[in-house]
Amino acid sequence: MRLARLLTPAGPVSGRFEVGDVAPEDGYRGAILHADDGTYEVGRDGRLLPPCEPSALYCVGRNFAATLEQMDYERPEEPDFFIKPPSSLLGHGQPIPSPEFTDELTYAGELAAVIDRRCRNLEPEDVPNVVRGYTIMNDVDALDQQGRTARKAFDGSAPLGPWLETDVDPTALEMWTDVAGERRQEANTELMLFDPYEVIAFLSERFTLRPGDVIAFGSPANPGLLERGNTVEITYEGVGTLRNTVASSR
C-alpha cells in the first residue's frame, strides 16, 4: 500500500495513495489520495509533501563498497551516520536550492525507512514491526564545505518522497539515478555493508526513535556534480521515483 501526504489550501492531508498511470515528471498530477474526509487529486487539490514529519533524519554514509572505493574511505566497522534536521526536507517536485556558499553540489540516491512508533534498543528481527514504510531520499551535499553538518544539513538538502510503500522487502531492491537524462547510479540494496534492519537496530541503541523519523541507508557511488537546472530522478524498484530539479539560480 502507498501512503502519501498532500498540501491543500486548507492544510496537509494524508491517506492511501493511488498513482494509476500518471508520471513523476508531471508531479504525479491526477493521482488520488484517499483521506478520512474524502478524496483529493494531485494538482487540482494540492501538491505532494514529504510523506512524514520527522523529528530527525538519521543518515548512514559509507554503506556501499563502491562508495568506499570512490572516496578512498576505510571500511567502517559499524554504521557511520550523521543527522539532518527537519528543515532539510523537500517534497517531490520541489526545487533543490543552489546555495550561495557552494560550487560543488552533488546528489545521492538513498532508500529510507520511516518509523511508525516510538522505540529503542531493537534487535534486527524486531525492525519490521516498527517501520511504517519505505521511501526515497536524495542526500544533497555541498561537497566543498567543511564538516558533514555544513555539507549536508542545510535547508532543502533532503528531498524525500514521493510516498511511503508499506509492502516491500528493502534488502534486495534494484535502484538507479538519472541526472539530466544520464544514468549516474545503478546498484542493488543487497550490496549494502549493513542492511536496513541492522542499521535501524544500531541507531535504536543510541536514540529513541519517534513516529515519522527517517533513517536513510546510504548511497552507491555517485559520479558527477549537479548543475543549475539539472533534474534528478531516483528510482527504487517497488518503491517509486523521486524527481526534483536544481533551482536555475541561487
Protein backbone atom coordinates (compact mmCIF):
# COMPACT_ATOMS: atom_id res chain seq x y z
CA MET A 1 0.00 0.00 0.00
CA ARG A 2 1.15 3.54 -0.72
CA LEU A 3 0.70 6.32 1.84
CA ALA A 4 1.16 9.97 0.94
CA ARG A 5 0.69 13.50 2.22
CA LEU A 6 -0.75 16.38 0.21
CA LEU A 7 -0.57 20.13 0.86
CA THR A 8 -4.01 21.63 0.21
CA PRO A 9 -5.28 25.20 0.71
CA ALA A 10 -6.82 24.01 3.99
CA GLY A 11 -3.59 22.37 5.17
CA PRO A 12 -1.89 18.96 4.93
CA VAL A 13 -3.93 15.80 4.42
CA SER A 14 -2.71 12.20 4.42
CA GLY A 15 -4.00 8.83 3.40
CA ARG A 16 -3.87 5.98 0.92
CA PHE A 17 -2.46 6.94 -2.46
CA GLU A 18 -3.44 5.68 -5.91
CA VAL A 19 -0.99 6.61 -8.66
CA GLY A 20 -2.59 5.00 -11.70
CA ASP A 21 -0.70 5.75 -14.91
CA VAL A 22 0.40 9.31 -14.06
CA ALA A 23 4.09 10.18 -14.34
CA PRO A 24 6.71 11.53 -11.92
CA GLU A 25 7.73 14.29 -14.35
CA ASP A 26 4.20 15.72 -14.06
CA GLY A 27 4.44 15.75 -10.28
CA TYR A 28 2.05 12.75 -10.27
CA ARG A 29 -0.67 15.20 -11.31
CA GLY A 30 -4.01 13.37 -11.37
CA ALA A 31 -3.09 10.77 -8.74
CA ILE A 32 -5.69 10.32 -6.00
CA LEU A 33 -5.25 10.48 -2.24
CA HIS A 34 -7.96 8.88 -0.09
CA ALA A 35 -8.12 10.68 3.25
CA ASP A 36 -10.54 10.26 6.15
CA ASP A 37 -12.57 13.27 4.97
CA GLY A 38 -12.71 12.45 1.26
CA THR A 39 -10.58 12.17 -1.87
CA TYR A 40 -8.02 14.65 -3.20
CA GLU A 41 -6.41 14.91 -6.61
CA VAL A 42 -2.77 15.91 -7.00
CA GLY A 43 -2.55 19.13 -9.00
CA ARG A 44 -6.22 20.07 -8.64
CA ASP A 45 -6.40 19.98 -4.84
CA GLY A 46 -2.76 20.26 -3.78
CA ARG A 47 0.81 19.07 -4.20
CA LEU A 48 2.78 16.23 -2.69
CA LEU A 49 4.54 16.82 0.62
CA PRO A 50 7.31 14.72 2.15
CA PRO A 51 5.47 11.58 3.29
CA CYS A 52 6.18 12.06 7.02
CA GLU A 53 7.00 14.66 9.65
CA PRO A 54 10.25 13.55 11.33
CA SER A 55 11.89 14.89 14.44
CA ALA A 56 15.19 13.99 12.75
CA LEU A 57 16.63 12.32 9.67
CA TYR A 58 19.33 9.76 10.51
CA CYS A 59 21.57 9.21 7.51
CA VAL A 60 24.13 6.42 7.07
CA GLY A 61 27.22 7.00 4.95
CA ARG A 62 29.90 4.71 3.57
CA ASN A 63 27.45 1.82 3.28
CA PHE A 64 28.36 0.59 -0.21
CA ALA A 65 31.78 -0.83 -1.14
CA ALA A 66 31.76 1.15 -4.40
CA THR A 67 31.42 4.38 -2.42
CA LEU A 68 34.41 3.43 -0.25
CA GLU A 69 36.47 2.90 -3.39
CA GLN A 70 35.32 6.15 -5.00
CA MET A 71 36.05 8.30 -1.93
CA ASP A 72 39.05 6.30 -0.72
CA TYR A 73 37.37 5.62 2.63
CA GLU A 74 38.19 2.80 5.02
CA ARG A 75 35.52 0.16 5.55
CA PRO A 76 33.59 1.08 8.72
CA GLU A 77 33.27 -1.48 11.50
CA GLU A 78 29.79 -0.20 12.38
CA PRO A 79 27.27 2.10 10.61
CA ASP A 80 28.70 5.57 10.09
CA PHE A 81 25.92 8.12 10.50
CA PHE A 82 25.03 11.81 10.66
CA ILE A 83 21.79 13.74 11.22
CA LYS A 84 19.82 16.17 9.09
CA PRO A 85 17.18 18.45 10.64
CA PRO A 86 13.51 18.58 9.53
CA SER A 87 14.21 21.91 7.78
CA SER A 88 16.28 19.97 5.21
CA LEU A 89 13.11 18.31 3.81
CA LEU A 90 11.70 18.90 0.33
CA GLY A 91 8.77 17.17 -1.32
CA HIS A 92 8.66 15.52 -4.73
CA GLY A 93 8.84 18.11 -7.48
CA GLN A 94 10.07 20.94 -5.25
CA PRO A 95 13.21 22.78 -6.46
CA ILE A 96 16.53 21.85 -4.87
CA PRO A 97 18.22 25.08 -3.74
CA SER A 98 21.53 26.12 -5.27
CA PRO A 99 23.12 27.84 -2.25
CA GLU A 100 25.47 30.81 -2.48
CA PHE A 101 28.05 29.07 -0.31
CA THR A 102 28.85 26.12 -2.60
CA ASP A 103 30.10 25.48 -6.11
CA GLU A 104 30.10 21.69 -5.67
CA LEU A 105 26.56 20.44 -5.22
CA THR A 106 26.09 16.69 -5.55
CA TYR A 107 23.37 14.08 -5.09
CA ALA A 108 22.95 10.63 -3.54
CA GLY A 109 20.01 8.32 -4.23
CA GLU A 110 19.11 6.56 -0.99
CA LEU A 111 16.46 4.19 0.29
CA ALA A 112 14.90 5.43 3.54
CA ALA A 113 12.65 3.93 6.20
CA VAL A 114 10.04 5.83 8.19
CA ILE A 115 9.48 4.80 11.81
CA ASP A 116 5.90 4.07 12.88
CA ARG A 117 6.11 4.01 16.67
CA ARG A 118 8.35 5.16 19.50
CA CYS A 119 11.05 2.55 20.06
CA ARG A 120 14.50 1.93 21.47
CA ASN A 121 17.03 -0.92 21.81
CA LEU A 122 15.71 -3.03 18.95
CA GLU A 123 17.06 -6.30 17.67
CA PRO A 124 17.30 -6.55 13.86
CA GLU A 125 14.48 -9.09 13.75
CA ASP A 126 12.21 -6.60 15.56
CA VAL A 127 12.69 -3.83 12.99
CA PRO A 128 9.89 -4.76 10.54
CA ASN A 129 7.40 -4.29 13.38
CA VAL A 130 8.33 -0.62 13.88
CA VAL A 131 8.70 0.54 10.26
CA ARG A 132 5.72 2.32 8.69
CA GLY A 133 7.14 2.01 5.18
CA TYR A 134 9.95 2.88 2.79
CA THR A 135 10.58 5.93 0.64
CA ILE A 136 13.43 7.63 -1.26
CA MET A 137 15.79 10.39 -0.17
CA ASN A 138 18.23 12.48 -2.16
CA ASP A 139 21.12 13.25 0.19
CA VAL A 140 22.16 16.56 -1.38
CA ASP A 141 25.71 17.52 -0.44
CA ALA A 142 27.65 20.80 -0.66
CA LEU A 143 30.88 18.92 -1.23
CA ASP A 144 33.26 21.88 -0.84
CA GLN A 145 32.13 22.75 2.71
CA GLN A 146 33.98 21.67 5.85
CA GLY A 147 32.35 19.01 8.02
CA ARG A 148 29.26 16.91 7.44
CA THR A 149 26.81 19.32 9.08
CA ALA A 150 27.86 22.21 6.85
CA ARG A 151 27.86 19.94 3.80
CA LYS A 152 24.64 18.03 4.32
CA ALA A 153 22.26 19.67 6.81
CA PHE A 154 21.28 22.90 5.06
CA ASP A 155 17.71 23.84 4.10
CA GLY A 156 16.43 21.79 1.17
CA SER A 157 19.22 19.20 1.31
CA ALA A 158 16.85 16.22 1.76
CA PRO A 159 14.25 15.78 -0.97
CA LEU A 160 12.07 12.92 0.30
CA GLY A 161 9.23 11.01 -1.31
CA PRO A 162 7.19 10.68 -3.31
CA TRP A 163 5.24 8.45 -0.87
CA LEU A 164 5.65 5.56 1.56
CA GLU A 165 5.45 1.99 0.30
CA THR A 166 4.36 -0.27 3.14
CA ASP A 167 4.75 -3.65 1.42
CA VAL A 168 8.36 -4.04 0.28
CA ASP A 169 11.44 -6.06 1.25
CA PRO A 170 14.26 -3.49 1.50
CA THR A 171 17.11 -5.98 1.32
CA ALA A 172 17.28 -6.69 -2.43
CA LEU A 173 15.96 -3.70 -4.40
CA GLU A 174 17.35 -2.52 -7.71
CA MET A 175 17.96 1.24 -7.85
CA TRP A 176 19.12 3.82 -10.39
CA THR A 177 19.61 7.58 -10.55
CA ASP A 178 19.37 9.70 -13.68
CA VAL A 179 20.68 13.27 -13.81
CA ALA A 180 19.66 15.40 -16.79
CA GLY A 181 18.67 12.16 -18.55
CA GLU A 182 22.05 10.46 -17.95
CA ARG A 183 22.31 7.30 -15.83
CA ARG A 184 24.62 8.17 -12.91
CA GLN A 185 23.93 5.44 -10.35
CA GLU A 186 22.89 1.81 -10.57
CA ALA A 187 23.06 -0.74 -7.75
CA ASN A 188 21.10 -3.10 -5.52
CA THR A 189 20.42 -2.77 -1.80
CA GLU A 190 21.85 -6.27 -1.27
CA LEU A 191 25.26 -4.60 -1.79
CA MET A 192 24.92 -2.58 1.41
CA LEU A 193 27.58 -3.29 4.03
CA PHE A 194 24.93 -3.03 6.77
CA ASP A 195 21.39 -3.94 5.79
CA PRO A 196 18.41 -1.75 6.77
CA TYR A 197 17.45 -3.91 9.74
CA GLU A 198 21.00 -3.80 11.15
CA VAL A 199 21.17 -0.03 10.68
CA ILE A 200 17.87 0.69 12.45
CA ALA A 201 18.73 -1.64 15.33
CA PHE A 202 22.14 0.03 15.69
CA LEU A 203 20.67 3.53 15.78
CA SER A 204 17.99 2.46 18.25
CA GLU A 205 20.72 1.67 20.76
CA ARG A 206 21.71 5.35 20.72
CA PHE A 207 18.49 7.26 20.07
CA THR A 208 14.82 6.97 20.94
CA LEU A 209 13.25 6.72 17.51
CA ARG A 210 9.91 8.52 17.15
CA PRO A 211 6.98 8.16 14.77
CA GLY A 212 7.82 9.83 11.46
CA ASP A 213 11.58 9.72 11.94
CA VAL A 214 13.54 8.94 8.79
CA ILE A 215 16.50 6.58 8.50
CA ALA A 216 18.37 6.64 5.18
CA PHE A 217 20.70 3.78 4.35
CA GLY A 218 23.42 5.33 2.22
CA SER A 219 24.15 5.74 -1.45
CA PRO A 220 26.07 3.84 -4.11
CA ALA A 221 28.97 5.69 -5.74
CA ASN A 222 27.73 8.92 -7.30
CA PRO A 223 29.99 10.23 -10.08
CA GLY A 224 29.48 13.85 -11.03
CA LEU A 225 28.15 17.14 -9.71
CA LEU A 226 24.81 18.88 -10.13
CA GLU A 227 24.41 21.99 -12.22
CA ARG A 228 21.61 24.54 -12.01
CA GLY A 229 18.61 23.31 -13.94
CA ASN A 230 19.56 19.62 -13.70
CA THR A 231 16.70 17.22 -12.96
CA VAL A 232 17.47 14.32 -10.63
CA GLU A 233 15.32 11.18 -10.83
CA ILE A 234 15.96 8.46 -8.23
CA THR A 235 14.14 5.15 -8.59
CA TYR A 236 13.99 2.24 -6.16
CA GLU A 237 12.28 -0.84 -7.54
CA GLY A 238 8.98 -1.48 -5.78
CA VAL A 239 9.04 1.92 -4.06
CA GLY A 240 8.79 4.65 -6.71
CA THR A 241 10.61 7.55 -8.34
CA LEU A 242 11.62 10.78 -6.59
CA ARG A 243 12.11 13.69 -9.01
CA ASN A 244 13.45 17.18 -8.24
CA THR A 245 15.18 19.87 -10.29
CA VAL A 246 18.01 22.08 -9.07
CA ALA A 247 16.94 25.71 -8.99
CA SER A 248 18.08 27.61 -12.08
CA SER A 249 19.58 30.41 -9.99
CA ARG A 250 20.94 30.96 -6.50
